[in-house]
């Protein structure tokens, strides 16, 4: 399986770690050199019991897949 063009999991972990150092939002651009640019935005805010992380981005379907 090829590697992910964009990795939301690592972006979420990174912004959660950086929240301990005062940074609450992060935009990450990935995979430009592969010809498949991707962008992921992540932010944090305090939750009732712990830190909440919100991750988002955009995606485009490159090929059609038929599921049977």
PDB file of N, CA and C in Angstrom:
ATOM      1  N   UNK A   1       0.844  -1.169   0.000  1.00  0.00           N
ATOM      2  CA  UNK A   1       0.000   0.000   0.000  1.00  0.00           C
ATOM      3  C   UNK A   1       0.892   1.234   0.000  1.00  0.00           C
ATOM      4  N   UNK A   2       0.651   2.161  -0.903  1.00  0.00           N
ATOM      5  CA  UNK A   2       1.447   3.387  -0.924  1.00  0.00           C
ATOM      6  C   UNK A   2       1.211   4.224   0.335  1.00  0.00           C
ATOM      7  N   UNK A   3       2.168   5.050   0.648  1.00  0.00           N
ATOM      8  CA  UNK A   3       2.059   5.926   1.809  1.00  0.00           C
ATOM      9  C   UNK A   3       0.989   6.984   1.577  1.00  0.00           C
ATOM     10  N   UNK A   4       0.340   7.417   2.665  1.00  0.00           N
ATOM     11  CA  UNK A   4      -0.660   8.475   2.573  1.00  0.00           C
ATOM     12  C   UNK A   4      -0.038   9.755   2.045  1.00  0.00           C
ATOM     13  N   UNK A   5      -0.768  10.435   1.177  1.00  0.00           N
ATOM     14  CA  UNK A   5      -0.329  11.744   0.694  1.00  0.00           C
ATOM     15  C   UNK A   5      -0.434  12.760   1.824  1.00  0.00           C
ATOM     16  N   UNK A   6      -1.497  12.686   2.604  1.00  0.00           N
ATOM     17  CA  UNK A   6      -1.705  13.588   3.743  1.00  0.00           C
ATOM     18  C   UNK A   6      -2.000  12.746   4.974  1.00  0.00           C
ATOM     19  N   UNK A   7      -1.392  13.083   6.094  1.00  0.00           N
ATOM     20  CA  UNK A   7      -1.554  12.290   7.300  1.00  0.00           C
ATOM     21  C   UNK A   7      -2.162  13.149   8.409  1.00  0.00           C
ATOM     22  N   UNK A   8      -3.459  12.991   8.619  1.00  0.00           N
ATOM     23  CA  UNK A   8      -4.152  13.772   9.647  1.00  0.00           C
ATOM     24  C   UNK A   8      -3.757  13.327  11.053  1.00  0.00           C
ATOM     25  N   UNK A   9      -3.448  12.037  11.229  1.00  0.00           N
ATOM     26  CA  UNK A   9      -3.089  11.549  12.566  1.00  0.00           C
ATOM     27  C   UNK A   9      -1.841  12.231  13.096  1.00  0.00           C
ATOM     28  N   UNK A  10      -0.807  12.319  12.286  1.00  0.00           N
ATOM     29  CA  UNK A  10       0.424  12.951  12.764  1.00  0.00           C
ATOM     30  C   UNK A  10       0.226  14.447  12.973  1.00  0.00           C
ATOM     31  N   UNK A  11      -0.605  15.076  12.158  1.00  0.00           N
ATOM     32  CA  UNK A  11      -0.887  16.505  12.334  1.00  0.00           C
ATOM     33  C   UNK A  11      -1.623  16.739  13.650  1.00  0.00           C
ATOM     34  N   UNK A  12      -2.584  15.876  13.977  1.00  0.00           N
ATOM     35  CA  UNK A  12      -3.311  15.996  15.242  1.00  0.00           C
ATOM     36  C   UNK A  12      -2.375  15.818  16.431  1.00  0.00           C
ATOM     37  N   UNK A  13      -1.493  14.831  16.356  1.00  0.00           N
ATOM     38  CA  UNK A  13      -0.528  14.605  17.444  1.00  0.00           C
ATOM     39  C   UNK A  13       0.411  15.792  17.601  1.00  0.00           C
ATOM     40  N   UNK A  14       0.851  16.350  16.478  1.00  0.00           N
ATOM     41  CA  UNK A  14       1.771  17.490  16.530  1.00  0.00           C
ATOM     42  C   UNK A  14       1.112  18.705  17.165  1.00  0.00           C
ATOM     43  N   UNK A  15      -0.126  19.043  16.776  1.00  0.00           N
ATOM     44  CA  UNK A  15      -0.777  20.221  17.358  1.00  0.00           C
ATOM     45  C   UNK A  15      -1.096  19.988  18.839  1.00  0.00           C
ATOM     46  N   UNK A  16      -1.408  18.758  19.228  1.00  0.00           N
ATOM     47  CA  UNK A  16      -1.635  18.468  20.646  1.00  0.00           C
ATOM     48  C   UNK A  16      -0.351  18.673  21.448  1.00  0.00           C
ATOM     49  N   UNK A  17       0.769  18.239  20.904  1.00  0.00           N
ATOM     50  CA  UNK A  17       2.059  18.444  21.576  1.00  0.00           C
ATOM     51  C   UNK A  17       2.397  19.938  21.651  1.00  0.00           C
ATOM     52  N   UNK A  18       2.200  20.654  20.550  1.00  0.00           N
ATOM     53  CA  UNK A  18       2.540  22.082  20.524  1.00  0.00           C
ATOM     54  C   UNK A  18       1.617  22.915  21.406  1.00  0.00           C
ATOM     55  N   UNK A  19       0.422  22.407  21.725  1.00  0.00           N
ATOM     56  CA  UNK A  19      -0.482  23.121  22.631  1.00  0.00           C
ATOM     57  C   UNK A  19       0.156  23.300  24.000  1.00  0.00           C
ATOM     58  N   UNK A  20       0.991  22.341  24.405  1.00  0.00           N
ATOM     59  CA  UNK A  20       1.719  22.464  25.668  1.00  0.00           C
ATOM     60  C   UNK A  20       2.713  23.613  25.646  1.00  0.00           C
ATOM     61  N   UNK A  21       3.027  24.114  24.453  1.00  0.00           N
ATOM     62  CA  UNK A  21       4.001  25.201  24.297  1.00  0.00           C
ATOM     63  C   UNK A  21       3.338  26.485  23.806  1.00  0.00           C
ATOM     64  N   UNK A  22       2.000  26.563  23.917  1.00  0.00           N
ATOM     65  CA  UNK A  22       1.285  27.797  23.623  1.00  0.00           C
ATOM     66  C   UNK A  22       0.748  27.949  22.210  1.00  0.00           C
ATOM     67  N   UNK A  23       0.929  26.963  21.335  1.00  0.00           N
ATOM     68  CA  UNK A  23       0.415  27.053  19.965  1.00  0.00           C
ATOM     69  C   UNK A  23      -0.889  26.269  19.888  1.00  0.00           C
ATOM     70  N   UNK A  24      -1.983  26.916  19.450  1.00  0.00           N
ATOM     71  CA  UNK A  24      -3.274  26.231  19.449  1.00  0.00           C
ATOM     72  C   UNK A  24      -3.809  25.918  18.053  1.00  0.00           C
ATOM     73  N   UNK A  25      -3.105  26.337  16.997  1.00  0.00           N
ATOM     74  CA  UNK A  25      -3.569  26.052  15.635  1.00  0.00           C
ATOM     75  C   UNK A  25      -2.366  25.826  14.733  1.00  0.00           C
ATOM     76  N   UNK A  26      -2.587  24.995  13.700  1.00  0.00           N
ATOM     77  CA  UNK A  26      -1.497  24.605  12.818  1.00  0.00           C
ATOM     78  C   UNK A  26      -2.059  24.273  11.440  1.00  0.00           C
ATOM     79  N   UNK A  27      -1.440  24.788  10.389  1.00  0.00           N
ATOM     80  CA  UNK A  27      -1.760  24.414   9.009  1.00  0.00           C
ATOM     81  C   UNK A  27      -0.543  23.724   8.424  1.00  0.00           C
ATOM     82  N   UNK A  28      -0.722  22.527   7.865  1.00  0.00           N
ATOM     83  CA  UNK A  28       0.391  21.743   7.335  1.00  0.00           C
ATOM     84  C   UNK A  28       0.149  21.480   5.847  1.00  0.00           C
ATOM     85  N   UNK A  29       1.105  21.842   5.017  1.00  0.00           N
ATOM     86  CA  UNK A  29       1.081  21.531   3.587  1.00  0.00           C
ATOM     87  C   UNK A  29       2.001  20.345   3.356  1.00  0.00           C
ATOM     88  N   UNK A  30       1.508  19.337   2.644  1.00  0.00           N
ATOM     89  CA  UNK A  30       2.275  18.112   2.428  1.00  0.00           C
ATOM     90  C   UNK A  30       2.251  17.705   0.964  1.00  0.00           C
ATOM     91  N   UNK A  31       3.226  16.932   0.581  1.00  0.00           N
ATOM     92  CA  UNK A  31       3.261  16.175  -0.674  1.00  0.00           C
ATOM     93  C   UNK A  31       3.329  17.010  -1.948  1.00  0.00           C
ATOM     94  N   UNK A  32       3.747  18.265  -1.856  1.00  0.00           N
ATOM     95  CA  UNK A  32       3.903  19.081  -3.059  1.00  0.00           C
ATOM     96  C   UNK A  32       4.884  18.435  -4.034  1.00  0.00           C
ATOM     97  N   UNK A  33       5.983  17.890  -3.510  1.00  0.00           N
ATOM     98  CA  UNK A  33       7.012  17.310  -4.376  1.00  0.00           C
ATOM     99  C   UNK A  33       6.538  16.027  -5.063  1.00  0.00           C
ATOM    100  N   UNK A  34       5.464  15.409  -4.573  1.00  0.00           N
ATOM    101  CA  UNK A  34       4.910  14.207  -5.184  1.00  0.00           C
ATOM    102  C   UNK A  34       3.870  14.534  -6.253  1.00  0.00           C
ATOM    103  N   UNK A  35       3.595  15.838  -6.413  1.00  0.00           N
ATOM    104  CA  UNK A  35       2.587  16.243  -7.384  1.00  0.00           C
ATOM    105  C   UNK A  35       1.166  16.051  -6.883  1.00  0.00           C
ATOM    106  N   UNK A  36       0.994  15.799  -5.613  1.00  0.00           N
ATOM    107  CA  UNK A  36      -0.321  15.604  -4.992  1.00  0.00           C
ATOM    108  C   UNK A  36      -0.416  16.494  -3.759  1.00  0.00           C
ATOM    109  N   UNK A  37      -0.453  17.817  -3.937  1.00  0.00           N
ATOM    110  CA  UNK A  37      -0.455  18.704  -2.771  1.00  0.00           C
ATOM    111  C   UNK A  37      -1.675  18.467  -1.870  1.00  0.00           C
ATOM    112  N   UNK A  38      -1.450  18.533  -0.589  1.00  0.00           N
ATOM    113  CA  UNK A  38      -2.499  18.337   0.402  1.00  0.00           C
ATOM    114  C   UNK A  38      -2.307  19.338   1.524  1.00  0.00           C
ATOM    115  N   UNK A  39      -3.391  19.733   2.134  1.00  0.00           N
ATOM    116  CA  UNK A  39      -3.336  20.664   3.262  1.00  0.00           C
ATOM    117  C   UNK A  39      -4.226  20.137   4.381  1.00  0.00           C
ATOM    118  N   UNK A  40      -3.705  20.189   5.593  1.00  0.00           N
ATOM    119  CA  UNK A  40      -4.460  19.769   6.771  1.00  0.00           C
ATOM    120  C   UNK A  40      -4.367  20.884   7.797  1.00  0.00           C
ATOM    121  N   UNK A  41      -5.511  21.243   8.369  1.00  0.00           N
ATOM    122  CA  UNK A  41      -5.571  22.246   9.431  1.00  0.00           C
ATOM    123  C   UNK A  41      -5.953  21.545  10.723  1.00  0.00           C
ATOM    124  N   UNK A  42      -5.312  21.916  11.809  1.00  0.00           N
ATOM    125  CA  UNK A  42      -5.620  21.334  13.113  1.00  0.00           C
ATOM    126  C   UNK A  42      -5.607  22.434  14.160  1.00  0.00           C
ATOM    127  N   UNK A  43      -6.497  22.297  15.135  1.00  0.00           N
ATOM    128  CA  UNK A  43      -6.540  23.262  16.231  1.00  0.00           C
ATOM    129  C   UNK A  43      -6.904  22.539  17.518  1.00  0.00           C
ATOM    130  N   UNK A  44      -6.619  23.195  18.622  1.00  0.00           N
ATOM    131  CA  UNK A  44      -6.911  22.621  19.936  1.00  0.00           C
ATOM    132  C   UNK A  44      -7.724  23.614  20.751  1.00  0.00           C
ATOM    133  N   UNK A  45      -8.451  23.053  21.721  1.00  0.00           N
ATOM    134  CA  UNK A  45      -9.129  23.876  22.723  1.00  0.00           C
ATOM    135  C   UNK A  45      -9.336  23.014  23.962  1.00  0.00           C
ATOM    136  N   UNK A  46      -9.448  23.651  25.110  1.00  0.00           N
ATOM    137  CA  UNK A  46      -9.673  22.881  26.329  1.00  0.00           C
ATOM    138  C   UNK A  46     -11.033  22.181  26.293  1.00  0.00           C
ATOM    139  N   UNK A  47     -11.071  20.967  26.784  1.00  0.00           N
ATOM    140  CA  UNK A  47     -12.320  20.217  26.886  1.00  0.00           C
ATOM    141  C   UNK A  47     -12.694  20.025  28.339  1.00  0.00           C
ATOM    142  N   UNK A  48     -13.785  19.338  28.578  1.00  0.00           N
ATOM    143  CA  UNK A  48     -14.257  19.114  29.949  1.00  0.00           C
ATOM    144  C   UNK A  48     -13.237  18.330  30.769  1.00  0.00           C
ATOM    145  N   UNK A  49     -12.637  17.315  30.164  1.00  0.00           N
ATOM    146  CA  UNK A  49     -11.694  16.476  30.909  1.00  0.00           C
ATOM    147  C   UNK A  49     -10.280  16.559  30.363  1.00  0.00           C
ATOM    148  N   UNK A  50     -10.131  16.965  29.114  1.00  0.00           N
ATOM    149  CA  UNK A  50      -8.812  16.947  28.483  1.00  0.00           C
ATOM    150  C   UNK A  50      -8.820  17.899  27.294  1.00  0.00           C
ATOM    151  N   UNK A  51      -7.747  17.907  26.545  1.00  0.00           N
ATOM    152  CA  UNK A  51      -7.596  18.744  25.368  1.00  0.00           C
ATOM    153  C   UNK A  51      -8.410  18.172  24.208  1.00  0.00           C
ATOM    154  N   UNK A  52      -9.140  19.025  23.491  1.00  0.00           N
ATOM    155  CA  UNK A  52      -9.862  18.610  22.293  1.00  0.00           C
ATOM    156  C   UNK A  52      -9.078  19.038  21.066  1.00  0.00           C
ATOM    157  N   UNK A  53      -8.960  18.162  20.084  1.00  0.00           N
ATOM    158  CA  UNK A  53      -8.242  18.464  18.844  1.00  0.00           C
ATOM    159  C   UNK A  53      -9.226  18.363  17.687  1.00  0.00           C
ATOM    160  N   UNK A  54      -9.226  19.388  16.839  1.00  0.00           N
ATOM    161  CA  UNK A  54     -10.064  19.379  15.627  1.00  0.00           C
ATOM    162  C   UNK A  54      -9.129  19.351  14.422  1.00  0.00           C
ATOM    163  N   UNK A  55      -9.391  18.421  13.502  1.00  0.00           N
ATOM    164  CA  UNK A  55      -8.559  18.268  12.309  1.00  0.00           C
ATOM    165  C   UNK A  55      -9.466  18.311  11.088  1.00  0.00           C
ATOM    166  N   UNK A  56      -9.036  19.005  10.044  1.00  0.00           N
ATOM    167  CA  UNK A  56      -9.818  19.075   8.817  1.00  0.00           C
ATOM    168  C   UNK A  56      -8.928  19.277   7.612  1.00  0.00           C
ATOM    169  N   UNK A  57      -9.512  19.136   6.450  1.00  0.00           N
ATOM    170  CA  UNK A  57      -8.765  19.329   5.216  1.00  0.00           C
ATOM    171  C   UNK A  57      -9.689  19.109   4.037  1.00  0.00           C
ATOM    172  N   UNK A  58      -9.106  19.039   2.875  1.00  0.00           N
ATOM    173  CA  UNK A  58      -9.887  18.779   1.667  1.00  0.00           C
ATOM    174  C   UNK A  58      -9.276  17.588   0.945  1.00  0.00           C
ATOM    175  N   UNK A  59     -10.113  16.944   0.138  1.00  0.00           N
ATOM    176  CA  UNK A  59      -9.640  15.801  -0.630  1.00  0.00           C
ATOM    177  C   UNK A  59     -10.312  15.805  -1.988  1.00  0.00           C
ATOM    178  N   UNK A  60      -9.649  15.234  -2.953  1.00  0.00           N
ATOM    179  CA  UNK A  60     -10.216  15.070  -4.292  1.00  0.00           C
ATOM    180  C   UNK A  60     -10.088  13.614  -4.688  1.00  0.00           C
ATOM    181  N   UNK A  61     -11.120  13.078  -5.310  1.00  0.00           N
ATOM    182  CA  UNK A  61     -11.077  11.688  -5.774  1.00  0.00           C
ATOM    183  C   UNK A  61     -10.386  11.667  -7.127  1.00  0.00           C
ATOM    184  N   UNK A  62      -9.277  10.931  -7.191  1.00  0.00           N
ATOM    185  CA  UNK A  62      -8.468  10.895  -8.420  1.00  0.00           C
ATOM    186  C   UNK A  62      -8.972   9.857  -9.405  1.00  0.00           C
ATOM    187  N   UNK A  63      -9.557   8.773  -8.927  1.00  0.00           N
ATOM    188  CA  UNK A  63     -10.071   7.721  -9.800  1.00  0.00           C
ATOM    189  C   UNK A  63     -11.413   7.239  -9.276  1.00  0.00           C
ATOM    190  N   UNK A  64     -12.218   6.698 -10.145  1.00  0.00           N
ATOM    191  CA  UNK A  64     -13.492   6.125  -9.739  1.00  0.00           C
ATOM    192  C   UNK A  64     -13.266   4.695  -9.278  1.00  0.00           C
ATOM    193  N   UNK A  65     -13.941   4.299  -8.196  1.00  0.00           N
ATOM    194  CA  UNK A  65     -13.859   2.949  -7.677  1.00  0.00           C
ATOM    195  C   UNK A  65     -15.278   2.413  -7.540  1.00  0.00           C
ATOM    196  N   UNK A  66     -15.520   1.228  -8.063  1.00  0.00           N
ATOM    197  CA  UNK A  66     -16.819   0.600  -7.928  1.00  0.00           C
ATOM    198  C   UNK A  66     -16.745  -0.486  -6.864  1.00  0.00           C
ATOM    199  N   UNK A  67     -17.579  -0.353  -5.843  1.00  0.00           N
ATOM    200  CA  UNK A  67     -17.630  -1.356  -4.780  1.00  0.00           C
ATOM    201  C   UNK A  67     -18.796  -2.286  -5.053  1.00  0.00           C
ATOM    202  N   UNK A  68     -18.535  -3.567  -4.943  1.00  0.00           N
ATOM    203  CA  UNK A  68     -19.576  -4.567  -5.218  1.00  0.00           C
ATOM    204  C   UNK A  68     -20.085  -5.146  -3.925  1.00  0.00           C
TER     205      UNK A  68
END
